[in-house]
Amino acid sequence: MNEKINGFLNRLNATKIDPKKGLVLLAAVVGIILIVISSFGSETKHEAEESTKADSGFSEEEYGAKLETRIEEMVSSLYGAGRSKVIITLDCDYETVYARDGSYSKNDLSSDEESEYIIIDSDEREDGLALKTVTPKVRGVAVLCEGGDNPGVVQSIIDMLSALLDIGTSNISVSKIQ
């Protein structure tokens, strides 16, 4: 690297430019190059973050379909259930929980809460600071299976789904498939 700088300074001497001015010119050129490179780097980083966000999350339909497939496999694996089909209804779409900064005060007569969202200011846009993303809650499940006329199989499926999905047994329906 030193050789390149010395070569540059020697060429400047040959063109009758003061070496001190040449160093300032070199520093300015290097600075401009670094600014250009860093702007390309931040755009690629921003695009990579966006693609990661897009690839990491499922849509509500994709999430429901994947959940149905996994439950279908579980039910079909249950002794006596046989071939099965599953439909799941979801309560809502994904929910993002954002960080908040605030205070809470309580006295004998009332309580006051003041808070505001924490905002992150990136290059071109402002976003809230996301703490977590909550997956959609399962509202209900309908299962059709070959063993749907056997009360023991039905109860096993209901118990399994209630435990797996954390929903009440009244939100699970199991019937015999045609």
N, C-alpha and C. Protein backbone atom coordinates (compact mmCIF):
# COMPACT_ATOMS: atom_id res chain seq x y z
N MET A 1 0.82 -1.19 0.00
CA MET A 1 0.00 0.00 0.00
C MET A 1 0.87 1.26 0.00
N ASN A 2 1.94 1.25 0.83
CA ASN A 2 2.86 2.39 0.86
C ASN A 2 3.49 2.64 -0.50
N GLU A 3 3.76 1.54 -1.22
CA GLU A 3 4.37 1.68 -2.54
C GLU A 3 3.44 2.41 -3.49
N LYS A 4 2.15 2.12 -3.40
CA LYS A 4 1.18 2.77 -4.29
C LYS A 4 1.08 4.25 -3.97
N ILE A 5 1.09 4.60 -2.68
CA ILE A 5 1.02 6.01 -2.30
C ILE A 5 2.28 6.74 -2.75
N ASN A 6 3.43 6.11 -2.53
CA ASN A 6 4.69 6.73 -2.98
C ASN A 6 4.71 6.89 -4.49
N GLY A 7 4.21 5.89 -5.22
CA GLY A 7 4.14 5.99 -6.68
C GLY A 7 3.23 7.13 -7.11
N PHE A 8 2.12 7.30 -6.39
CA PHE A 8 1.19 8.38 -6.68
C PHE A 8 1.87 9.73 -6.44
N LEU A 9 2.60 9.84 -5.31
CA LEU A 9 3.29 11.10 -5.00
C LEU A 9 4.39 11.38 -6.01
N ASN A 10 5.10 10.33 -6.47
CA ASN A 10 6.14 10.52 -7.49
C ASN A 10 5.54 11.03 -8.79
N ARG A 11 4.37 10.49 -9.17
CA ARG A 11 3.71 10.98 -10.39
C ARG A 11 3.27 12.43 -10.22
N LEU A 12 2.83 12.77 -9.00
CA LEU A 12 2.44 14.16 -8.75
C LEU A 12 3.66 15.09 -8.88
N ASN A 13 4.82 14.64 -8.37
CA ASN A 13 6.04 15.45 -8.50
C ASN A 13 6.39 15.66 -9.97
N ALA A 14 6.18 14.63 -10.78
CA ALA A 14 6.50 14.74 -12.20
C ALA A 14 5.57 15.73 -12.89
N THR A 15 4.34 15.91 -12.36
CA THR A 15 3.40 16.85 -12.99
C THR A 15 3.47 18.23 -12.35
N LYS A 16 4.43 18.44 -11.47
CA LYS A 16 4.69 19.72 -10.83
C LYS A 16 3.56 20.14 -9.87
N ILE A 17 2.92 19.16 -9.20
CA ILE A 17 1.91 19.47 -8.18
C ILE A 17 2.58 19.29 -6.83
N ASP A 18 2.33 20.22 -5.93
CA ASP A 18 2.91 20.17 -4.58
C ASP A 18 2.46 18.87 -3.89
N PRO A 19 3.40 18.10 -3.28
CA PRO A 19 3.05 16.82 -2.62
C PRO A 19 2.00 16.98 -1.53
N LYS A 20 2.02 18.11 -0.80
CA LYS A 20 1.02 18.31 0.25
C LYS A 20 -0.38 18.44 -0.37
N LYS A 21 -0.46 19.17 -1.46
CA LYS A 21 -1.75 19.31 -2.15
C LYS A 21 -2.17 17.96 -2.74
N GLY A 22 -1.18 17.19 -3.18
CA GLY A 22 -1.46 15.86 -3.72
C GLY A 22 -2.05 14.93 -2.67
N LEU A 23 -1.52 15.01 -1.45
CA LEU A 23 -2.05 14.19 -0.35
C LEU A 23 -3.49 14.59 -0.03
N VAL A 24 -3.76 15.89 -0.04
CA VAL A 24 -5.13 16.36 0.22
C VAL A 24 -6.06 15.86 -0.89
N LEU A 25 -5.57 15.93 -2.14
CA LEU A 25 -6.36 15.44 -3.27
C LEU A 25 -6.61 13.94 -3.15
N LEU A 26 -5.59 13.18 -2.76
CA LEU A 26 -5.72 11.74 -2.57
C LEU A 26 -6.73 11.42 -1.47
N ALA A 27 -6.64 12.15 -0.35
CA ALA A 27 -7.57 11.94 0.76
C ALA A 27 -9.00 12.24 0.32
N ALA A 28 -9.18 13.28 -0.47
CA ALA A 28 -10.52 13.63 -0.95
C ALA A 28 -11.07 12.54 -1.87
N VAL A 29 -10.25 12.02 -2.76
CA VAL A 29 -10.68 10.96 -3.67
C VAL A 29 -11.04 9.70 -2.89
N VAL A 30 -10.18 9.33 -1.92
CA VAL A 30 -10.45 8.15 -1.10
C VAL A 30 -11.75 8.34 -0.30
N GLY A 31 -11.95 9.54 0.23
CA GLY A 31 -13.18 9.84 0.98
C GLY A 31 -14.42 9.69 0.12
N ILE A 32 -14.36 10.21 -1.09
CA ILE A 32 -15.51 10.09 -2.01
C ILE A 32 -15.78 8.63 -2.34
N ILE A 33 -14.72 7.88 -2.58
CA ILE A 33 -14.88 6.45 -2.89
C ILE A 33 -15.52 5.72 -1.71
N LEU A 34 -15.07 6.03 -0.49
CA LEU A 34 -15.65 5.39 0.70
C LEU A 34 -17.12 5.75 0.89
N ILE A 35 -17.47 6.99 0.63
CA ILE A 35 -18.88 7.41 0.74
C ILE A 35 -19.74 6.65 -0.27
N VAL A 36 -19.26 6.54 -1.49
CA VAL A 36 -20.01 5.82 -2.53
C VAL A 36 -20.17 4.35 -2.15
N ILE A 37 -19.09 3.73 -1.67
CA ILE A 37 -19.14 2.32 -1.28
C ILE A 37 -20.09 2.11 -0.12
N SER A 38 -20.04 3.01 0.87
CA SER A 38 -20.92 2.85 2.04
C SER A 38 -22.38 3.02 1.68
N SER A 39 -22.68 3.90 0.71
CA SER A 39 -24.09 4.06 0.33
C SER A 39 -24.60 2.80 -0.38
N PHE A 40 -23.75 2.16 -1.18
CA PHE A 40 -24.16 0.89 -1.79
C PHE A 40 -24.34 -0.17 -0.73
N GLY A 41 -23.46 -0.20 0.25
CA GLY A 41 -23.54 -1.18 1.33
C GLY A 41 -24.81 -1.04 2.14
N SER A 42 -25.23 0.19 2.46
CA SER A 42 -26.43 0.37 3.28
C SER A 42 -27.68 0.00 2.50
N GLU A 43 -27.69 0.26 1.17
CA GLU A 43 -28.84 -0.15 0.38
C GLU A 43 -28.95 -1.67 0.33
N THR A 44 -27.82 -2.34 0.16
CA THR A 44 -27.86 -3.80 0.12
C THR A 44 -28.25 -4.36 1.47
N LYS A 45 -27.78 -3.75 2.55
CA LYS A 45 -28.13 -4.20 3.89
C LYS A 45 -29.62 -4.02 4.11
N HIS A 46 -30.16 -2.86 3.69
CA HIS A 46 -31.58 -2.58 3.86
C HIS A 46 -32.42 -3.56 3.04
N GLU A 47 -31.98 -3.83 1.80
CA GLU A 47 -32.70 -4.79 0.97
C GLU A 47 -32.63 -6.19 1.57
N ALA A 48 -31.50 -6.55 2.14
CA ALA A 48 -31.35 -7.87 2.76
C ALA A 48 -32.27 -7.99 3.97
N GLU A 49 -32.40 -6.93 4.77
CA GLU A 49 -33.30 -6.95 5.92
C GLU A 49 -34.74 -7.13 5.47
N GLU A 50 -35.13 -6.42 4.39
CA GLU A 50 -36.49 -6.52 3.88
C GLU A 50 -36.78 -7.92 3.37
N SER A 51 -35.81 -8.52 2.63
CA SER A 51 -36.05 -9.86 2.11
C SER A 51 -36.09 -10.88 3.23
N THR A 52 -35.30 -10.67 4.29
CA THR A 52 -35.34 -11.58 5.43
C THR A 52 -36.69 -11.50 6.11
N LYS A 53 -37.22 -10.30 6.27
CA LYS A 53 -38.54 -10.13 6.89
C LYS A 53 -39.59 -10.84 6.04
N ALA A 54 -39.50 -10.67 4.73
CA ALA A 54 -40.50 -11.28 3.84
C ALA A 54 -40.40 -12.80 3.86
N ASP A 55 -39.17 -13.33 3.92
CA ASP A 55 -38.99 -14.77 3.88
C ASP A 55 -39.28 -15.45 5.21
N SER A 56 -39.05 -14.75 6.32
CA SER A 56 -39.18 -15.41 7.62
C SER A 56 -40.62 -15.57 8.06
N GLY A 57 -41.50 -14.69 7.64
CA GLY A 57 -42.88 -14.76 8.10
C GLY A 57 -43.78 -15.41 7.08
N PHE A 58 -44.81 -16.12 7.55
CA PHE A 58 -45.82 -16.70 6.68
C PHE A 58 -47.01 -15.76 6.67
N SER A 59 -47.78 -15.82 5.62
CA SER A 59 -49.05 -15.12 5.63
C SER A 59 -50.00 -15.92 6.51
N GLU A 60 -51.13 -15.34 6.82
CA GLU A 60 -52.11 -16.03 7.66
C GLU A 60 -52.57 -17.33 6.98
N GLU A 61 -52.77 -17.29 5.68
CA GLU A 61 -53.22 -18.48 4.94
C GLU A 61 -52.15 -19.57 4.97
N GLU A 62 -50.88 -19.16 4.76
CA GLU A 62 -49.79 -20.14 4.77
C GLU A 62 -49.63 -20.76 6.16
N TYR A 63 -49.75 -19.93 7.19
CA TYR A 63 -49.64 -20.43 8.55
C TYR A 63 -50.76 -21.43 8.83
N GLY A 64 -51.99 -21.08 8.45
CA GLY A 64 -53.13 -21.98 8.66
C GLY A 64 -52.97 -23.28 7.90
N ALA A 65 -52.51 -23.21 6.66
CA ALA A 65 -52.33 -24.41 5.84
C ALA A 65 -51.24 -25.31 6.43
N LYS A 66 -50.15 -24.72 6.89
CA LYS A 66 -49.07 -25.52 7.48
C LYS A 66 -49.55 -26.18 8.78
N LEU A 67 -50.30 -25.44 9.56
CA LEU A 67 -50.84 -25.99 10.81
C LEU A 67 -51.81 -27.12 10.52
N GLU A 68 -52.67 -26.94 9.51
CA GLU A 68 -53.61 -28.00 9.13
C GLU A 68 -52.87 -29.27 8.72
N THR A 69 -51.81 -29.11 7.93
CA THR A 69 -51.04 -30.27 7.47
C THR A 69 -50.41 -31.01 8.66
N ARG A 70 -49.85 -30.27 9.58
CA ARG A 70 -49.21 -30.91 10.74
C ARG A 70 -50.25 -31.62 11.61
N ILE A 71 -51.41 -30.99 11.82
CA ILE A 71 -52.46 -31.61 12.63
C ILE A 71 -53.01 -32.85 11.92
N GLU A 72 -53.17 -32.74 10.60
CA GLU A 72 -53.64 -33.88 9.81
C GLU A 72 -52.70 -35.08 9.99
N GLU A 73 -51.40 -34.83 9.94
CA GLU A 73 -50.42 -35.90 10.14
C GLU A 73 -50.53 -36.49 11.54
N MET A 74 -50.72 -35.64 12.54
CA MET A 74 -50.85 -36.12 13.92
C MET A 74 -52.10 -36.98 14.08
N VAL A 75 -53.23 -36.51 13.55
CA VAL A 75 -54.49 -37.25 13.69
C VAL A 75 -54.39 -38.58 12.95
N SER A 76 -53.83 -38.56 11.74
CA SER A 76 -53.70 -39.79 10.96
C SER A 76 -52.80 -40.80 11.65
N SER A 77 -51.85 -40.32 12.45
CA SER A 77 -50.94 -41.20 13.17
C SER A 77 -51.58 -41.80 14.42
N LEU A 78 -52.67 -41.23 14.86
CA LEU A 78 -53.34 -41.71 16.07
C LEU A 78 -53.99 -43.06 15.78
N TYR A 79 -53.81 -44.00 16.69
CA TYR A 79 -54.35 -45.35 16.50
C TYR A 79 -55.88 -45.30 16.35
N GLY A 80 -56.38 -45.86 15.26
CA GLY A 80 -57.81 -45.95 15.02
C GLY A 80 -58.38 -44.78 14.23
N ALA A 81 -57.63 -43.72 14.06
CA ALA A 81 -58.16 -42.54 13.36
C ALA A 81 -58.18 -42.75 11.86
N GLY A 82 -57.14 -43.33 11.30
CA GLY A 82 -57.09 -43.57 9.86
C GLY A 82 -56.87 -42.29 9.08
N ARG A 83 -57.30 -42.34 7.81
CA ARG A 83 -57.16 -41.19 6.91
C ARG A 83 -57.97 -40.03 7.47
N SER A 84 -57.41 -38.80 7.36
CA SER A 84 -58.12 -37.66 7.95
C SER A 84 -57.95 -36.40 7.12
N LYS A 85 -58.86 -35.46 7.36
CA LYS A 85 -58.81 -34.11 6.79
C LYS A 85 -59.06 -33.14 7.93
N VAL A 86 -58.35 -32.00 7.90
CA VAL A 86 -58.45 -31.03 8.99
C VAL A 86 -58.65 -29.64 8.41
N ILE A 87 -59.53 -28.88 9.03
CA ILE A 87 -59.69 -27.46 8.71
C ILE A 87 -59.57 -26.68 10.00
N ILE A 88 -58.77 -25.62 9.96
CA ILE A 88 -58.55 -24.78 11.14
C ILE A 88 -58.99 -23.36 10.81
N THR A 89 -59.70 -22.75 11.74
CA THR A 89 -60.02 -21.33 11.60
C THR A 89 -59.16 -20.55 12.58
N LEU A 90 -58.64 -19.42 12.10
CA LEU A 90 -57.77 -18.58 12.92
C LEU A 90 -58.53 -17.33 13.35
N ASP A 91 -58.18 -16.84 14.53
CA ASP A 91 -58.86 -15.69 15.11
C ASP A 91 -58.49 -14.39 14.42
N CYS A 92 -57.23 -14.17 14.13
CA CYS A 92 -56.79 -12.93 13.51
C CYS A 92 -55.46 -13.17 12.81
N ASP A 93 -54.94 -12.11 12.19
CA ASP A 93 -53.66 -12.19 11.52
C ASP A 93 -52.53 -12.03 12.53
N TYR A 94 -51.29 -12.07 12.07
CA TYR A 94 -50.14 -11.86 12.94
C TYR A 94 -50.28 -10.51 13.65
N GLU A 95 -49.78 -10.44 14.88
CA GLU A 95 -49.82 -9.20 15.64
C GLU A 95 -48.39 -8.88 16.07
N THR A 96 -47.97 -7.65 15.83
CA THR A 96 -46.63 -7.22 16.24
C THR A 96 -46.77 -6.40 17.51
N VAL A 97 -45.96 -6.73 18.50
CA VAL A 97 -45.95 -5.99 19.76
C VAL A 97 -44.75 -5.06 19.73
N TYR A 98 -45.01 -3.76 19.89
CA TYR A 98 -43.97 -2.74 19.83
C TYR A 98 -43.56 -2.28 21.23
N ALA A 99 -42.30 -1.90 21.36
CA ALA A 99 -41.77 -1.42 22.64
C ALA A 99 -42.34 -0.04 22.94
N ARG A 100 -42.63 0.17 24.22
CA ARG A 100 -43.15 1.46 24.66
C ARG A 100 -42.30 1.95 25.82
N ASP A 101 -42.22 3.24 25.93
CA ASP A 101 -41.52 3.88 27.04
C ASP A 101 -42.53 4.75 27.75
N GLY A 102 -42.61 4.62 29.05
CA GLY A 102 -43.59 5.43 29.74
C GLY A 102 -43.50 5.32 31.24
N SER A 103 -44.48 5.90 31.87
CA SER A 103 -44.53 5.88 33.33
C SER A 103 -45.94 5.58 33.80
N TYR A 104 -46.04 5.10 35.01
CA TYR A 104 -47.33 4.74 35.60
C TYR A 104 -47.34 5.29 37.01
N SER A 105 -48.40 6.01 37.32
CA SER A 105 -48.51 6.54 38.68
C SER A 105 -49.90 6.22 39.22
N LYS A 106 -49.95 5.95 40.52
CA LYS A 106 -51.21 5.57 41.13
C LYS A 106 -51.35 6.29 42.46
N ASN A 107 -52.51 6.90 42.66
CA ASN A 107 -52.80 7.48 43.97
C ASN A 107 -54.13 6.91 44.44
N ASP A 108 -54.64 7.38 45.55
CA ASP A 108 -55.85 6.80 46.14
C ASP A 108 -57.07 6.89 45.23
N LEU A 109 -57.19 7.96 44.45
CA LEU A 109 -58.41 8.18 43.67
C LEU A 109 -58.31 7.72 42.22
N SER A 110 -57.12 7.77 41.67
CA SER A 110 -57.00 7.42 40.25
C SER A 110 -55.60 6.92 39.94
N SER A 111 -55.44 6.50 38.72
CA SER A 111 -54.11 6.10 38.25
C SER A 111 -53.90 6.69 36.86
N ASP A 112 -52.68 7.07 36.58
CA ASP A 112 -52.34 7.66 35.29
C ASP A 112 -51.24 6.84 34.64
N GLU A 113 -51.39 6.67 33.35
CA GLU A 113 -50.36 5.97 32.59
C GLU A 113 -50.02 6.82 31.39
N GLU A 114 -48.75 7.11 31.24
CA GLU A 114 -48.26 7.85 30.09
C GLU A 114 -47.22 6.99 29.39
N SER A 115 -47.41 6.78 28.11
CA SER A 115 -46.42 6.00 27.38
C SER A 115 -46.44 6.40 25.92
N GLU A 116 -45.35 6.14 25.27
CA GLU A 116 -45.25 6.38 23.84
C GLU A 116 -44.38 5.29 23.23
N TYR A 117 -44.61 5.03 21.96
CA TYR A 117 -43.85 3.99 21.28
C TYR A 117 -42.42 4.44 21.06
N ILE A 118 -41.50 3.48 21.13
CA ILE A 118 -40.10 3.76 20.85
C ILE A 118 -39.91 3.65 19.33
N ILE A 119 -39.42 4.72 18.74
CA ILE A 119 -39.27 4.79 17.28
C ILE A 119 -37.79 4.68 16.93
N ILE A 120 -37.51 3.87 15.91
CA ILE A 120 -36.15 3.73 15.39
C ILE A 120 -36.11 4.47 14.06
N ASP A 121 -35.20 5.39 13.94
CA ASP A 121 -35.06 6.18 12.73
C ASP A 121 -33.93 5.59 11.90
N SER A 122 -34.30 4.87 10.83
CA SER A 122 -33.27 4.32 9.94
C SER A 122 -33.06 5.28 8.78
N ASP A 123 -32.29 4.88 7.80
CA ASP A 123 -31.89 5.76 6.70
C ASP A 123 -33.05 6.53 6.08
N GLU A 124 -34.07 5.81 5.63
CA GLU A 124 -35.12 6.48 4.86
C GLU A 124 -36.49 6.44 5.52
N ARG A 125 -36.64 5.71 6.66
CA ARG A 125 -37.96 5.60 7.25
C ARG A 125 -37.88 5.37 8.74
N GLU A 126 -38.97 5.63 9.40
CA GLU A 126 -39.06 5.41 10.84
C GLU A 126 -39.94 4.21 11.10
N ASP A 127 -39.51 3.36 12.03
CA ASP A 127 -40.28 2.18 12.41
C ASP A 127 -40.30 2.09 13.93
N GLY A 128 -41.35 1.45 14.43
CA GLY A 128 -41.39 1.17 15.85
C GLY A 128 -40.45 0.02 16.17
N LEU A 129 -39.99 -0.02 17.41
CA LEU A 129 -39.11 -1.10 17.85
C LEU A 129 -39.97 -2.31 18.18
N ALA A 130 -39.93 -3.33 17.32
CA ALA A 130 -40.75 -4.53 17.50
C ALA A 130 -40.13 -5.43 18.54
N LEU A 131 -40.91 -5.79 19.57
CA LEU A 131 -40.44 -6.72 20.59
C LEU A 131 -40.66 -8.15 20.16
N LYS A 132 -41.85 -8.43 19.62
CA LYS A 132 -42.15 -9.78 19.19
C LYS A 132 -43.32 -9.77 18.22
N THR A 133 -43.46 -10.87 17.49
CA THR A 133 -44.59 -11.07 16.61
C THR A 133 -45.37 -12.26 17.13
N VAL A 134 -46.66 -12.05 17.36
CA VAL A 134 -47.52 -13.09 17.92
C VAL A 134 -48.25 -13.77 16.77
N THR A 135 -48.17 -15.10 16.74
CA THR A 135 -48.86 -15.85 15.69
C THR A 135 -50.36 -15.82 15.93
N PRO A 136 -51.15 -16.00 14.87
CA PRO A 136 -52.60 -15.99 15.03
C PRO A 136 -53.08 -17.11 15.95
N LYS A 137 -54.09 -16.81 16.76
CA LYS A 137 -54.68 -17.81 17.66
C LYS A 137 -55.65 -18.69 16.87
N VAL A 138 -55.68 -19.96 17.24
CA VAL A 138 -56.62 -20.90 16.62
C VAL A 138 -57.98 -20.70 17.28
N ARG A 139 -59.01 -20.52 16.48
CA ARG A 139 -60.36 -20.35 16.99
C ARG A 139 -61.08 -21.68 17.08
N GLY A 140 -60.92 -22.52 16.05
CA GLY A 140 -61.60 -23.80 16.04
C GLY A 140 -60.98 -24.78 15.07
N VAL A 141 -61.29 -26.06 15.28
CA VAL A 141 -60.74 -27.12 14.43
C VAL A 141 -61.85 -28.10 14.09
N ALA A 142 -61.92 -28.46 12.80
CA ALA A 142 -62.85 -29.51 12.36
C ALA A 142 -62.01 -30.65 11.80
N VAL A 143 -62.29 -31.87 12.28
CA VAL A 143 -61.54 -33.04 11.85
C VAL A 143 -62.51 -34.07 11.29
N LEU A 144 -62.20 -34.54 10.10
CA LEU A 144 -62.92 -35.66 9.52
C LEU A 144 -61.93 -36.81 9.41
N CYS A 145 -62.30 -37.96 9.97
CA CYS A 145 -61.39 -39.10 9.90
C CYS A 145 -62.19 -40.40 9.83
N GLU A 146 -61.53 -41.47 9.39
CA GLU A 146 -62.19 -42.76 9.24
C GLU A 146 -62.67 -43.31 10.58
N GLY A 147 -61.97 -43.00 11.67
CA GLY A 147 -62.35 -43.48 12.99
C GLY A 147 -63.26 -42.52 13.74
N GLY A 148 -63.86 -41.57 13.01
CA GLY A 148 -64.69 -40.55 13.63
C GLY A 148 -65.98 -41.06 14.24
N ASP A 149 -66.33 -42.34 14.02
CA ASP A 149 -67.54 -42.91 14.62
C ASP A 149 -67.22 -43.69 15.90
N ASN A 150 -65.93 -43.79 16.25
CA ASN A 150 -65.50 -44.48 17.46
C ASN A 150 -65.33 -43.45 18.58
N PRO A 151 -66.16 -43.52 19.65
CA PRO A 151 -66.09 -42.52 20.72
C PRO A 151 -64.72 -42.41 21.39
N GLY A 152 -63.98 -43.49 21.50
CA GLY A 152 -62.64 -43.45 22.09
C GLY A 152 -61.66 -42.67 21.23
N VAL A 153 -61.74 -42.89 19.91
CA VAL A 153 -60.87 -42.16 18.98
C VAL A 153 -61.23 -40.69 18.99
N VAL A 154 -62.52 -40.39 18.96
CA VAL A 154 -62.98 -39.00 18.97
C VAL A 154 -62.46 -38.28 20.21
N GLN A 155 -62.59 -38.93 21.38
CA GLN A 155 -62.12 -38.31 22.62
C GLN A 155 -60.61 -38.13 22.62
N SER A 156 -59.87 -39.08 22.07
CA SER A 156 -58.41 -38.96 21.99
C SER A 156 -58.01 -37.77 21.10
N ILE A 157 -58.70 -37.61 19.98
CA ILE A 157 -58.40 -36.50 19.07
C ILE A 157 -58.72 -35.17 19.74
N ILE A 158 -59.87 -35.09 20.40
CA ILE A 158 -60.26 -33.85 21.07
C ILE A 158 -59.25 -33.50 22.16
N ASP A 159 -58.85 -34.48 22.96
CA ASP A 159 -57.87 -34.22 24.03
C ASP A 159 -56.54 -33.76 23.45
N MET A 160 -56.08 -34.43 22.39
CA MET A 160 -54.81 -34.09 21.77
C MET A 160 -54.83 -32.66 21.22
N LEU A 161 -55.89 -32.32 20.48
CA LEU A 161 -55.96 -31.00 19.86
C LEU A 161 -56.14 -29.90 20.90
N SER A 162 -56.89 -30.19 21.94
CA SER A 162 -57.07 -29.20 23.01
C SER A 162 -55.73 -28.90 23.68
N ALA A 163 -54.93 -29.93 23.91
CA ALA A 163 -53.61 -29.73 24.53
C ALA A 163 -52.63 -29.05 23.57
N LEU A 164 -52.62 -29.47 22.31
CA LEU A 164 -51.67 -28.91 21.34
C LEU A 164 -51.95 -27.45 21.02
N LEU A 165 -53.21 -27.13 20.85
CA LEU A 165 -53.57 -25.80 20.36
C LEU A 165 -54.05 -24.85 21.45
N ASP A 166 -54.17 -25.35 22.68
CA ASP A 166 -54.62 -24.55 23.82
C ASP A 166 -55.98 -23.90 23.53
N ILE A 167 -56.92 -24.74 23.08
CA ILE A 167 -58.29 -24.28 22.85
C ILE A 167 -59.24 -25.19 23.62
N GLY A 168 -60.43 -24.70 23.86
CA GLY A 168 -61.42 -25.48 24.58
C GLY A 168 -61.96 -26.63 23.74
N THR A 169 -62.43 -27.67 24.41
CA THR A 169 -62.95 -28.84 23.69
C THR A 169 -64.21 -28.50 22.90
N SER A 170 -64.92 -27.45 23.28
CA SER A 170 -66.12 -27.05 22.53
C SER A 170 -65.76 -26.43 21.18
N ASN A 171 -64.49 -26.12 20.96
CA ASN A 171 -64.06 -25.55 19.68
C ASN A 171 -63.45 -26.60 18.75
N ILE A 172 -63.64 -27.87 19.10
CA ILE A 172 -63.09 -28.97 18.29
C ILE A 172 -64.26 -29.88 17.90
N SER A 173 -64.35 -30.15 16.60
CA SER A 173 -65.38 -31.04 16.10
C SER A 173 -64.71 -32.20 15.37
N VAL A 174 -65.13 -33.43 15.72
CA VAL A 174 -64.57 -34.63 15.07
C VAL A 174 -65.74 -35.45 14.52
N SER A 175 -65.67 -35.80 13.24
CA SER A 175 -66.72 -36.60 12.60
C SER A 175 -66.08 -37.64 11.71
N LYS A 176 -66.93 -38.60 11.29
CA LYS A 176 -66.46 -39.67 10.40
C LYS A 176 -66.40 -39.14 8.96
N ILE A 177 -65.34 -39.51 8.27
CA ILE A 177 -65.18 -39.10 6.86
C ILE A 177 -65.94 -40.09 5.98
N GLN A 178 -66.41 -39.63 4.84
CA GLN A 178 -67.15 -40.51 3.92
C GLN A 178 -66.20 -41.41 3.16
